[in-house]
């Protein structure tokens, strides 16, 4: 199975909306990663909010998306405007040095 990347761009999204959504769709009130997710990055852009996630496989992403993310986002009050622009890709290179923002 190939490592799988997802990019979501929420035009008009804010940090507050992102944090509201994260508390619902990520374990431990948004402080932990869901099963199968290896990396989660997020931050503001000129016109909204961008999220990049890497999962251990496309199947892992699809499970999270279908079982947790979509139902969770539908229930969030003051959440990100959606649906986002989405781009997916098979990760060819994955390197990190441990660093927290």
C-alpha atoms as a PDB file:
ATOM      1  CA  UNK A   1       0.000   0.000   0.000  1.00  0.00           C
ATOM      2  CA  UNK A   2       1.240   3.452  -0.896  1.00  0.00           C
ATOM      3  CA  UNK A   3       1.299   6.401   1.462  1.00  0.00           C
ATOM      4  CA  UNK A   4      -1.485   8.798   0.450  1.00  0.00           C
ATOM      5  CA  UNK A   5      -1.664  12.607   0.665  1.00  0.00           C
ATOM      6  CA  UNK A   6      -4.656  14.923   0.803  1.00  0.00           C
ATOM      7  CA  UNK A   7      -4.775  18.713   0.471  1.00  0.00           C
ATOM      8  CA  UNK A   8      -7.917  20.604   1.446  1.00  0.00           C
ATOM      9  CA  UNK A   9      -8.296  24.309   0.736  1.00  0.00           C
ATOM     10  CA  UNK A  10     -11.156  26.059   2.510  1.00  0.00           C
ATOM     11  CA  UNK A  11     -11.694  29.447   0.868  1.00  0.00           C
ATOM     12  CA  UNK A  12     -12.754  31.924   3.550  1.00  0.00           C
ATOM     13  CA  UNK A  13     -11.853  29.494   6.362  1.00  0.00           C
ATOM     14  CA  UNK A  14     -10.431  30.758   9.651  1.00  0.00           C
ATOM     15  CA  UNK A  15      -8.336  29.350  12.470  1.00  0.00           C
ATOM     16  CA  UNK A  16     -11.338  29.385  14.811  1.00  0.00           C
ATOM     17  CA  UNK A  17     -13.442  27.386  12.335  1.00  0.00           C
ATOM     18  CA  UNK A  18     -10.565  24.932  11.840  1.00  0.00           C
ATOM     19  CA  UNK A  19     -10.130  24.423  15.596  1.00  0.00           C
ATOM     20  CA  UNK A  20     -13.880  23.863  16.021  1.00  0.00           C
ATOM     21  CA  UNK A  21     -13.783  21.168  13.326  1.00  0.00           C
ATOM     22  CA  UNK A  22     -10.565  19.552  14.581  1.00  0.00           C
ATOM     23  CA  UNK A  23     -12.061  18.982  18.043  1.00  0.00           C
ATOM     24  CA  UNK A  24     -14.819  16.923  16.446  1.00  0.00           C
ATOM     25  CA  UNK A  25     -12.930  14.911  13.813  1.00  0.00           C
ATOM     26  CA  UNK A  26      -9.611  14.159  15.564  1.00  0.00           C
ATOM     27  CA  UNK A  27      -9.251  12.047  18.721  1.00  0.00           C
ATOM     28  CA  UNK A  28      -8.522  13.500  22.151  1.00  0.00           C
ATOM     29  CA  UNK A  29     -10.449  16.725  21.479  1.00  0.00           C
ATOM     30  CA  UNK A  30      -8.308  17.443  18.424  1.00  0.00           C
ATOM     31  CA  UNK A  31      -4.928  16.829  20.046  1.00  0.00           C
ATOM     32  CA  UNK A  32      -4.188  13.409  18.480  1.00  0.00           C
ATOM     33  CA  UNK A  33      -4.121  12.001  14.964  1.00  0.00           C
ATOM     34  CA  UNK A  34      -6.758   9.580  13.710  1.00  0.00           C
ATOM     35  CA  UNK A  35      -5.769   5.981  13.085  1.00  0.00           C
ATOM     36  CA  UNK A  36      -3.685   5.720   9.914  1.00  0.00           C
ATOM     37  CA  UNK A  37      -2.850   9.434   9.693  1.00  0.00           C
ATOM     38  CA  UNK A  38       0.908  10.021   9.751  1.00  0.00           C
ATOM     39  CA  UNK A  39       1.063  13.782   9.355  1.00  0.00           C
ATOM     40  CA  UNK A  40      -1.293  16.741   9.727  1.00  0.00           C
ATOM     41  CA  UNK A  41      -0.372  20.303   8.741  1.00  0.00           C
ATOM     42  CA  UNK A  42      -2.648  23.334   8.684  1.00  0.00           C
ATOM     43  CA  UNK A  43      -2.425  27.085   8.382  1.00  0.00           C
ATOM     44  CA  UNK A  44      -3.794  30.292   6.947  1.00  0.00           C
ATOM     45  CA  UNK A  45      -3.508  31.317   3.312  1.00  0.00           C
ATOM     46  CA  UNK A  46      -4.221  34.654   1.643  1.00  0.00           C
ATOM     47  CA  UNK A  47      -7.858  33.683   1.186  1.00  0.00           C
ATOM     48  CA  UNK A  48      -8.662  31.000   3.750  1.00  0.00           C
ATOM     49  CA  UNK A  49      -7.307  27.877   5.412  1.00  0.00           C
ATOM     50  CA  UNK A  50      -5.206  24.981   4.058  1.00  0.00           C
ATOM     51  CA  UNK A  51      -4.905  21.465   5.493  1.00  0.00           C
ATOM     52  CA  UNK A  52      -2.420  18.814   4.363  1.00  0.00           C
ATOM     53  CA  UNK A  53      -2.720  15.279   5.701  1.00  0.00           C
ATOM     54  CA  UNK A  54      -0.762  12.120   4.949  1.00  0.00           C
ATOM     55  CA  UNK A  55      -2.249   8.688   5.600  1.00  0.00           C
ATOM     56  CA  UNK A  56      -0.530   5.309   5.553  1.00  0.00           C
ATOM     57  CA  UNK A  57      -2.758   4.268   2.619  1.00  0.00           C
ATOM     58  CA  UNK A  58      -5.613   5.448   0.421  1.00  0.00           C
ATOM     59  CA  UNK A  59      -7.866   2.938   2.207  1.00  0.00           C
ATOM     60  CA  UNK A  60      -7.004   4.533   5.567  1.00  0.00           C
ATOM     61  CA  UNK A  61      -7.875   7.982   4.187  1.00  0.00           C
ATOM     62  CA  UNK A  62     -11.161   6.760   2.727  1.00  0.00           C
ATOM     63  CA  UNK A  63     -12.142   5.096   6.029  1.00  0.00           C
ATOM     64  CA  UNK A  64     -11.390   8.278   7.967  1.00  0.00           C
ATOM     65  CA  UNK A  65     -13.165  10.442   5.377  1.00  0.00           C
ATOM     66  CA  UNK A  66     -16.316   8.306   5.214  1.00  0.00           C
ATOM     67  CA  UNK A  67     -16.625   7.199   8.848  1.00  0.00           C
ATOM     68  CA  UNK A  68     -15.362  10.261  10.736  1.00  0.00           C
ATOM     69  CA  UNK A  69     -14.554  13.359   8.706  1.00  0.00           C
ATOM     70  CA  UNK A  70     -17.702  13.854   6.635  1.00  0.00           C
ATOM     71  CA  UNK A  71     -20.168  13.008   9.427  1.00  0.00           C
ATOM     72  CA  UNK A  72     -18.133  15.095  11.882  1.00  0.00           C
ATOM     73  CA  UNK A  73     -17.926  18.165   9.669  1.00  0.00           C
ATOM     74  CA  UNK A  74     -21.677  18.035   9.147  1.00  0.00           C
ATOM     75  CA  UNK A  75     -22.183  18.299  12.912  1.00  0.00           C
ATOM     76  CA  UNK A  76     -19.704  21.117  13.686  1.00  0.00           C
ATOM     77  CA  UNK A  77     -21.113  24.459  14.728  1.00  0.00           C
ATOM     78  CA  UNK A  78     -19.067  27.373  13.390  1.00  0.00           C
ATOM     79  CA  UNK A  79     -16.969  24.973  11.282  1.00  0.00           C
ATOM     80  CA  UNK A  80     -15.042  25.428   8.074  1.00  0.00           C
ATOM     81  CA  UNK A  81     -16.974  26.466   4.969  1.00  0.00           C
ATOM     82  CA  UNK A  82     -17.332  23.537   2.649  1.00  0.00           C
ATOM     83  CA  UNK A  83     -16.913  21.560   0.699  1.00  0.00           C
ATOM     84  CA  UNK A  84     -13.206  22.316   0.289  1.00  0.00           C
ATOM     85  CA  UNK A  85     -11.172  22.218  -2.870  1.00  0.00           C
ATOM     86  CA  UNK A  86      -9.485  18.804  -2.685  1.00  0.00           C
ATOM     87  CA  UNK A  87      -6.329  17.405  -4.227  1.00  0.00           C
ATOM     88  CA  UNK A  88      -5.049  13.893  -3.533  1.00  0.00           C
ATOM     89  CA  UNK A  89      -1.765  12.256  -4.457  1.00  0.00           C
ATOM     90  CA  UNK A  90       0.341   9.157  -3.916  1.00  0.00           C
ATOM     91  CA  UNK A  91       3.269  10.179  -1.734  1.00  0.00           C
ATOM     92  CA  UNK A  92       6.598   9.330  -3.344  1.00  0.00           C
ATOM     93  CA  UNK A  93       8.856  10.867  -0.690  1.00  0.00           C
ATOM     94  CA  UNK A  94       8.128  11.348   3.020  1.00  0.00           C
ATOM     95  CA  UNK A  95      10.854  12.862   5.197  1.00  0.00           C
ATOM     96  CA  UNK A  96      10.555  14.810   8.413  1.00  0.00           C
ATOM     97  CA  UNK A  97      12.576  16.080  11.294  1.00  0.00           C
ATOM     98  CA  UNK A  98      10.610  16.173  14.522  1.00  0.00           C
ATOM     99  CA  UNK A  99       9.318  19.713  14.959  1.00  0.00           C
ATOM    100  CA  UNK A 100       6.099  21.134  16.396  1.00  0.00           C
ATOM    101  CA  UNK A 101       4.634  24.503  15.564  1.00  0.00           C
END
